[in-house]
Amino acid sequence: QTREDRSDNVHTFHRGHSHCGLPLWGRCVPLYHITDLGMKADDAIDYFRQGYNCAQSVFTVFAKENGLTEDMALKLSTGLGAGRGRLQSTCGAVTGGCLAIGMIYGKGADDDTNEKRDTTYELVRRFDAEFSRAVGSTSCRDILGCDLTTDEGKKRYEAENMRENKCEPAVAEAVKILETLL
């Protein structure tokens, strides 16, 4: 089943086709369930599954339609993944979202007033609050519940498949929130 021929608006993500023989969007053991995922969130998940980080996946789906090339968007947001360079501070889905907000509403060189800056700040605060409410935190370390700078944390991240179980839902949620704000 492709994106184009999905007739319902309920998407159940699973571990991929190898374990069940179903296409990627088939019905099987759900990892998380999102109603009305939308094409942008769908595209962000596609980027994430291709190996791009959370910030790249969120930012790039908005950047491409706002004048940046895919390559430039991916490069600009690379360092923000895993809470900025795997420091696990602010989740990359959040920082990628902040980049998208600034790209669309931010103050540029030709803007004489602070109106666009103030609008950007307000949208960032709203995005942050909504993401925190939906996901439970904006901190990568809190969302994952482990420390990626340690061998133990890295092993737990892999063993519990946190990329799919925690990061993918955060990426999808960030895009859903941004679509309501932008």
Protein backbone atom coordinates (compact mmCIF):
# COMPACT_ATOMS: atom_id res chain seq x y z
CA GLN A 1 0.00 0.00 0.00
CA THR A 2 1.44 3.35 -1.00
CA ARG A 3 0.86 6.75 0.52
CA GLU A 4 -1.40 7.64 -2.37
CA ASP A 5 -3.74 4.66 -2.06
CA ARG A 6 -4.23 4.67 1.73
CA SER A 7 -7.94 5.23 2.11
CA ASP A 8 -8.11 5.59 5.88
CA ASN A 9 -6.43 8.28 7.93
CA VAL A 10 -5.09 5.96 10.62
CA HIS A 11 -1.46 4.93 10.36
CA THR A 12 0.09 2.18 12.40
CA PHE A 13 3.86 2.06 12.33
CA HIS A 14 5.64 -1.21 12.80
CA ARG A 15 9.15 -2.58 12.71
CA GLY A 16 9.27 -2.87 8.90
CA HIS A 17 8.25 -5.49 6.40
CA SER A 18 10.80 -8.21 7.19
CA HIS A 19 9.05 -9.53 10.29
CA CYS A 20 5.54 -9.78 8.90
CA GLY A 21 5.71 -9.61 5.12
CA LEU A 22 3.42 -6.57 5.03
CA PRO A 23 4.32 -3.33 3.29
CA LEU A 24 5.80 -0.64 5.51
CA TRP A 25 2.38 0.87 6.20
CA GLY A 26 0.60 -2.46 6.74
CA ARG A 27 -1.31 -3.50 9.84
CA CYS A 28 0.67 -5.56 12.33
CA VAL A 29 2.37 -5.12 15.72
CA PRO A 30 1.99 -1.37 16.33
CA LEU A 31 4.77 0.69 17.82
CA TYR A 32 2.67 3.81 17.88
CA HIS A 33 -0.56 4.94 16.39
CA ILE A 34 -1.25 8.37 14.95
CA THR A 35 -4.49 9.60 13.42
CA ASP A 36 -4.28 11.90 10.39
CA LEU A 37 -0.51 11.74 10.16
CA GLY A 38 -0.41 13.91 7.04
CA MET A 39 2.00 13.97 4.15
CA LYS A 40 4.62 16.20 5.79
CA ALA A 41 4.87 13.98 8.86
CA ASP A 42 4.91 10.98 6.56
CA ASP A 43 7.78 12.54 4.59
CA ALA A 44 9.66 13.38 7.80
CA ILE A 45 9.38 9.75 8.92
CA ASP A 46 10.70 8.72 5.50
CA TYR A 47 13.77 10.94 5.98
CA PHE A 48 14.26 9.56 9.48
CA ARG A 49 14.06 5.98 8.24
CA GLN A 50 16.67 6.78 5.59
CA GLY A 51 19.10 7.53 8.41
CA TYR A 52 18.79 11.30 8.74
CA ASN A 53 18.51 12.62 12.29
CA CYS A 54 15.46 14.06 14.01
CA ALA A 55 16.31 17.71 13.31
CA GLN A 56 17.09 17.04 9.65
CA SER A 57 13.86 15.08 9.21
CA VAL A 58 11.65 17.81 10.68
CA PHE A 59 13.39 20.84 9.16
CA THR A 60 13.83 19.49 5.64
CA VAL A 61 10.14 18.85 4.99
CA PHE A 62 9.47 22.56 5.60
CA ALA A 63 12.67 23.92 4.05
CA LYS A 64 12.13 22.40 0.62
CA GLU A 65 8.90 24.35 0.11
CA ASN A 66 10.48 27.58 1.37
CA GLY A 67 13.35 27.99 -1.05
CA LEU A 68 16.13 25.85 0.43
CA THR A 69 17.46 22.88 -1.44
CA GLU A 70 17.12 19.51 0.21
CA ASP A 71 20.91 19.24 0.43
CA MET A 72 21.29 22.63 2.13
CA ALA A 73 18.46 21.90 4.59
CA LEU A 74 19.99 18.57 5.52
CA LYS A 75 23.43 20.12 5.99
CA LEU A 76 22.18 23.08 8.05
CA SER A 77 20.32 20.88 10.51
CA THR A 78 22.83 18.02 10.86
CA GLY A 79 24.47 19.29 14.06
CA LEU A 80 21.15 19.58 15.87
CA GLY A 81 20.38 15.85 15.99
CA ALA A 82 20.29 13.87 19.24
CA GLY A 83 19.90 17.00 21.31
CA ARG A 84 22.61 18.99 19.48
CA GLY A 85 25.50 16.78 18.52
CA ARG A 86 24.39 13.93 20.79
CA LEU A 87 24.63 16.17 23.87
CA GLN A 88 21.01 15.18 24.54
CA SER A 89 19.83 18.65 25.46
CA THR A 90 16.86 19.96 23.44
CA CYS A 91 15.41 17.21 21.22
CA GLY A 92 16.42 17.58 17.58
CA ALA A 93 12.79 17.40 16.49
CA VAL A 94 12.26 20.58 18.51
CA THR A 95 15.37 22.41 17.27
CA GLY A 96 14.54 21.39 13.69
CA GLY A 97 11.07 22.81 14.26
CA CYS A 98 12.52 26.05 15.62
CA LEU A 99 14.62 26.36 12.47
CA ALA A 100 11.49 25.92 10.37
CA ILE A 101 9.63 28.59 12.34
CA GLY A 102 12.53 31.03 11.99
CA MET A 103 12.90 30.29 8.29
CA ILE A 104 9.24 31.14 7.67
CA TYR A 105 8.62 33.94 10.18
CA GLY A 106 12.07 35.15 11.27
CA LYS A 107 13.62 38.59 11.12
CA GLY A 108 15.88 39.06 8.11
CA ALA A 109 18.48 41.61 7.08
CA ASP A 110 15.87 43.82 5.40
CA ASP A 111 13.46 43.94 8.35
CA ASP A 112 13.55 47.27 10.19
CA THR A 113 11.37 46.33 13.17
CA ASN A 114 11.39 43.49 15.67
CA GLU A 115 7.87 42.39 14.77
CA LYS A 116 9.04 39.26 12.90
CA ARG A 117 11.45 38.36 15.70
CA ASP A 118 8.68 38.71 18.27
CA THR A 119 6.31 36.59 16.15
CA THR A 120 9.01 33.94 15.82
CA TYR A 121 9.64 33.90 19.56
CA GLU A 122 5.93 33.52 20.29
CA LEU A 123 5.58 30.63 17.81
CA VAL A 124 8.67 28.92 19.25
CA ARG A 125 7.22 29.18 22.77
CA ARG A 126 3.90 27.73 21.61
CA PHE A 127 5.63 24.94 19.68
CA ASP A 128 7.81 24.10 22.68
CA ALA A 129 4.82 23.96 25.05
CA GLU A 130 2.71 21.82 22.70
CA PHE A 131 5.59 19.43 22.01
CA SER A 132 6.35 19.08 25.72
CA ARG A 133 2.68 18.43 26.46
CA ALA A 134 2.43 15.79 23.68
CA VAL A 135 5.76 13.99 24.17
CA GLY A 136 6.38 14.64 27.87
CA SER A 137 9.54 16.73 27.55
CA THR A 138 11.64 18.68 25.08
CA SER A 139 14.84 17.12 26.43
CA CYS A 140 16.34 14.31 24.37
CA ARG A 141 17.75 12.68 27.51
CA ASP A 142 14.34 12.80 29.26
CA ILE A 143 12.47 11.50 26.20
CA LEU A 144 14.85 8.56 25.80
CA GLY A 145 15.46 7.95 29.47
CA CYS A 146 19.10 7.04 28.88
CA ASP A 147 22.48 8.70 28.42
CA LEU A 148 23.83 8.26 24.88
CA THR A 149 27.31 9.36 25.95
CA THR A 150 27.78 6.11 27.87
CA ASP A 151 28.19 2.57 26.56
CA GLU A 152 25.31 1.45 28.78
CA GLY A 153 23.05 4.16 27.35
CA LYS A 154 24.00 3.33 23.75
CA LYS A 155 23.30 -0.37 24.36
CA ARG A 156 19.92 0.42 25.91
CA TYR A 157 19.05 2.74 23.01
CA GLU A 158 19.73 -0.09 20.56
CA ALA A 159 18.22 -2.91 22.64
CA GLU A 160 14.96 -1.03 23.16
CA ASN A 161 14.87 0.19 19.56
CA MET A 162 14.41 3.76 20.76
CA ARG A 163 14.99 5.21 17.29
CA GLU A 164 11.66 3.72 16.24
CA ASN A 165 9.87 3.60 19.56
CA LYS A 166 10.68 7.07 20.88
CA CYS A 167 12.35 9.19 18.19
CA GLU A 168 9.99 8.45 15.29
CA PRO A 169 6.92 9.44 17.31
CA ALA A 170 8.70 12.65 18.40
CA VAL A 171 9.53 13.52 14.77
CA ALA A 172 5.93 12.89 13.66
CA GLU A 173 4.52 14.88 16.58
CA ALA A 174 6.81 17.85 15.91
CA VAL A 175 5.67 18.04 12.29
CA LYS A 176 2.00 17.69 13.24
CA ILE A 177 2.33 20.58 15.71
CA LEU A 178 4.22 22.74 13.23
CA GLU A 179 1.54 22.22 10.60
CA THR A 180 -1.03 23.69 12.98
CA LEU A 181 1.21 26.67 13.83
CA LEU A 182 2.65 27.63 10.45
